[in-house]
C-alpha atoms as a PDB file:
ATOM      1  CA  MET A   1     -37.123-125.298   8.037  1.00  0.00           C
ATOM      2  CA  THR A   2     -34.090-125.839  10.133  1.00  0.00           C
ATOM      3  CA  ASP A   3     -32.086-122.944  11.452  1.00  0.00           C
ATOM      4  CA  LYS A   4     -28.599-123.304  10.085  1.00  0.00           C
ATOM      5  CA  ILE A   5     -25.827-121.207  11.528  1.00  0.00           C
ATOM      6  CA  PRO A   6     -24.063-119.355   8.704  1.00  0.00           C
ATOM      7  CA  ARG A   7     -20.346-119.998   8.527  1.00  0.00           C
ATOM      8  CA  GLN A   8     -19.093-116.510   9.257  1.00  0.00           C
ATOM      9  CA  LEU A   9     -15.721-115.988  10.779  1.00  0.00           C
ATOM     10  CA  PRO A  10     -14.520-112.726  12.281  1.00  0.00           C
ATOM     11  CA  PRO A  11     -13.091-110.321   9.699  1.00  0.00           C
ATOM     12  CA  PRO A  12      -9.556-111.389   8.861  1.00  0.00           C
ATOM     13  CA  ARG A  13      -6.705-109.295  10.119  1.00  0.00           C
ATOM     14  CA  ASP A  14      -4.024-108.275   7.665  1.00  0.00           C
ATOM     15  CA  MET A  15      -1.691-111.200   8.337  1.00  0.00           C
ATOM     16  CA  GLY A  16       1.268-112.404   6.374  1.00  0.00           C
ATOM     17  CA  PHE A  17       1.495-115.841   4.840  1.00  0.00           C
ATOM     18  CA  PHE A  18       3.358-117.463   7.727  1.00  0.00           C
ATOM     19  CA  GLU A  19       1.172-115.924  10.430  1.00  0.00           C
ATOM     20  CA  ASN A  20      -1.926-117.103   8.561  1.00  0.00           C
ATOM     21  CA  LEU A  21      -0.426-120.594   8.201  1.00  0.00           C
ATOM     22  CA  SER A  22       0.456-120.630  11.892  1.00  0.00           C
ATOM     23  CA  SER A  23      -3.093-119.601  12.797  1.00  0.00           C
ATOM     24  CA  ARG A  24      -4.544-122.363  10.599  1.00  0.00           C
ATOM     25  CA  ILE A  25      -2.273-124.991  12.186  1.00  0.00           C
ATOM     26  CA  LYS A  26      -3.279-123.818  15.679  1.00  0.00           C
ATOM     27  CA  LEU A  27      -6.958-123.980  14.696  1.00  0.00           C
ATOM     28  CA  ILE A  28      -6.545-127.546  13.398  1.00  0.00           C
ATOM     29  CA  GLY A  29      -4.700-128.527  16.592  1.00  0.00           C
ATOM     30  CA  ARG A  30      -7.447-127.077  18.776  1.00  0.00           C
ATOM     31  CA  LEU A  31     -10.136-128.856  16.755  1.00  0.00           C
ATOM     32  CA  LEU A  32      -8.252-132.159  16.995  1.00  0.00           C
ATOM     33  CA  VAL A  33      -8.306-132.073  20.800  1.00  0.00           C
ATOM     34  CA  ASP A  34     -11.889-130.797  21.067  1.00  0.00           C
ATOM     35  CA  ARG A  35     -14.161-133.622  22.286  1.00  0.00           C
ATOM     36  CA  ARG A  36     -17.172-132.161  20.452  1.00  0.00           C
ATOM     37  CA  VAL A  37     -15.633-132.940  17.037  1.00  0.00           C
ATOM     38  CA  ASN A  38     -16.451-136.369  15.585  1.00  0.00           C
ATOM     39  CA  PRO A  39     -13.472-138.759  16.036  1.00  0.00           C
ATOM     40  CA  LEU A  40     -13.903-140.124  12.505  1.00  0.00           C
ATOM     41  CA  LEU A  41     -13.588-136.593  11.163  1.00  0.00           C
ATOM     42  CA  LYS A  42     -10.267-136.253  12.957  1.00  0.00           C
ATOM     43  CA  LEU A  43      -8.875-138.968  10.700  1.00  0.00           C
ATOM     44  CA  LEU A  44      -8.771-136.513   7.774  1.00  0.00           C
ATOM     45  CA  PRO A  45      -5.781-134.382   8.876  1.00  0.00           C
ATOM     46  CA  VAL A  46      -4.090-137.333  10.558  1.00  0.00           C
ATOM     47  CA  GLY A  47      -4.446-139.408   7.381  1.00  0.00           C
ATOM     48  CA  ALA A  48      -3.216-136.517   5.249  1.00  0.00           C
ATOM     49  CA  LEU A  49      -0.064-136.263   7.375  1.00  0.00           C
ATOM     50  CA  ALA A  50       0.394-140.037   7.327  1.00  0.00           C
ATOM     51  CA  TYR A  51       0.361-139.821   3.531  1.00  0.00           C
ATOM     52  CA  LEU A  52       3.745-138.075   3.752  1.00  0.00           C
ATOM     53  CA  PHE A  53       5.351-141.222   5.093  1.00  0.00           C
ATOM     54  CA  ILE A  54       3.725-143.659   2.672  1.00  0.00           C
ATOM     55  CA  PRO A  55       5.741-144.112  -0.507  1.00  0.00           C
ATOM     56  CA  ASP A  56       3.696-143.192  -3.547  1.00  0.00           C
ATOM     57  CA  LEU A  57       4.073-143.585  -7.278  1.00  0.00           C
ATOM     58  CA  ALA A  58       3.855-139.912  -8.239  1.00  0.00           C
ATOM     59  CA  PRO A  59       7.229-138.175  -8.070  1.00  0.00           C
ATOM     60  CA  GLY A  60       7.670-134.861  -6.367  1.00  0.00           C
ATOM     61  CA  PRO A  61       6.340-133.023  -3.333  1.00  0.00           C
ATOM     62  CA  ILE A  62       3.455-131.301  -5.131  1.00  0.00           C
ATOM     63  CA  ASP A  63       1.028-134.197  -4.753  1.00  0.00           C
ATOM     64  CA  ASP A  64       1.945-134.489  -1.064  1.00  0.00           C
ATOM     65  CA  GLY A  65       1.206-130.796  -0.527  1.00  0.00           C
ATOM     66  CA  VAL A  66      -2.131-131.054  -2.316  1.00  0.00           C
ATOM     67  CA  ILE A  67      -3.202-134.078  -0.230  1.00  0.00           C
ATOM     68  CA  ILE A  68      -2.244-132.361   3.042  1.00  0.00           C
ATOM     69  CA  TRP A  69      -3.984-129.123   2.020  1.00  0.00           C
ATOM     70  CA  LEU A  70      -7.121-130.985   0.918  1.00  0.00           C
ATOM     71  CA  GLY A  71      -7.273-133.110   4.088  1.00  0.00           C
ATOM     72  CA  THR A  72      -6.885-130.147   6.437  1.00  0.00           C
ATOM     73  CA  TYR A  73      -9.239-127.936   4.411  1.00  0.00           C
ATOM     74  CA  LEU A  74     -11.979-130.581   4.407  1.00  0.00           C
ATOM     75  CA  PHE A  75     -11.451-131.205   8.121  1.00  0.00           C
ATOM     76  CA  VAL A  76     -12.079-127.555   9.032  1.00  0.00           C
ATOM     77  CA  GLU A  77     -15.009-127.247   6.603  1.00  0.00           C
ATOM     78  CA  LEU A  78     -16.722-130.414   7.888  1.00  0.00           C
ATOM     79  CA  CYS A  79     -16.330-129.542  11.592  1.00  0.00           C
ATOM     80  CA  PRO A  80     -19.428-128.004  13.193  1.00  0.00           C
ATOM     81  CA  PRO A  81     -19.406-124.279  12.312  1.00  0.00           C
ATOM     82  CA  GLU A  82     -20.096-123.075  15.847  1.00  0.00           C
ATOM     83  CA  ILE A  83     -17.056-124.954  17.173  1.00  0.00           C
ATOM     84  CA  VAL A  84     -14.829-123.580  14.395  1.00  0.00           C
ATOM     85  CA  GLN A  85     -16.086-120.047  15.134  1.00  0.00           C
ATOM     86  CA  GLU A  86     -15.459-120.471  18.858  1.00  0.00           C
ATOM     87  CA  HIS A  87     -11.853-121.561  18.341  1.00  0.00           C
ATOM     88  CA  THR A  88     -11.222-118.941  15.653  1.00  0.00           C
ATOM     89  CA  ARG A  89     -12.467-116.172  17.932  1.00  0.00           C
ATOM     90  CA  ALA A  90     -10.237-117.445  20.735  1.00  0.00           C
ATOM     91  CA  LEU A  91      -7.212-117.482  18.430  1.00  0.00           C
ATOM     92  CA  ASN A  92      -7.929-114.012  17.019  1.00  0.00           C
ATOM     93  CA  SER A  93      -8.834-112.349  20.303  1.00  0.00           C
ATOM     94  CA  VAL A  94      -6.725-109.416  21.305  1.00  0.00           C
ATOM     95  CA  VAL A  95      -6.243-108.330  24.876  1.00  0.00           C
ATOM     96  CA  ASP A  96      -7.556-104.800  25.294  1.00  0.00           C
ATOM     97  CA  ALA A  97      -5.209-102.983  27.612  1.00  0.00           C
ATOM     98  CA  GLU A  98      -3.620 -99.591  28.084  1.00  0.00           C
ATOM     99  CA  TRP A  99       0.059 -98.792  28.360  1.00  0.00           C
ATOM    100  CA  ARG A 100       1.203 -96.398  31.026  1.00  0.00           C
ATOM    101  CA  GLU A 101       4.578 -95.338  32.260  1.00  0.00           C
ATOM    102  CA  VAL A 102       5.392 -96.001  35.901  1.00  0.00           C
ATOM    103  CA  ASP A 103       7.860 -93.733  37.593  1.00  0.00           C
ATOM    104  CA  SER A 104       9.869 -94.663  40.656  1.00  0.00           C
ATOM    105  CA  SER A 105       7.456 -92.984  43.094  1.00  0.00           C
ATOM    106  CA  ASP A 106       4.602 -95.275  41.951  1.00  0.00           C
ATOM    107  CA  LYS A 107       6.517 -98.487  42.474  1.00  0.00           C
ATOM    108  CA  PRO A 108       5.532-100.531  45.517  1.00  0.00           C
ATOM    109  CA  LYS A 109       8.016-100.736  48.341  1.00  0.00           C
ATOM    110  CA  ASP A 110       9.980-103.948  48.731  1.00  0.00           C
ATOM    111  CA  PRO A 111       8.348-106.305  51.202  1.00  0.00           C
ATOM    112  CA  PRO A 112      10.214-106.771  54.453  1.00  0.00           C
ATOM    113  CA  ASP A 113      12.387-109.837  54.714  1.00  0.00           C
ATOM    114  CA  LEU A 114      10.539-112.504  56.624  1.00  0.00           C
ATOM    115  CA  LEU A 115      13.470-114.855  56.898  1.00  0.00           C
ATOM    116  CA  PRO A 116      15.591-114.632  60.082  1.00  0.00           C
END
């Protein structure tokens, strides 16, 4: 039996439609420039976008949207799961920091002028 890594992504945050779309576009962009992803696989989203500029027989933008969605969806699903997880974690990571107020007595003094 081969050990297959399950395709589990971090739990989704409560994002709106446009933030989710932006995240997906960033993920696709990161996967396109990753050298570990098969170059032939990268033709899927590129070909789906090229389809926008090729005149087709079906009227309307619905078929264009379906082709682009299908091409990008298949691209992410066919990429190695560990690479997709790595990039998704990087995109969803949050910097853990604390906020504190700084009063004027805590501010560092201005450095002396070194110019003559």
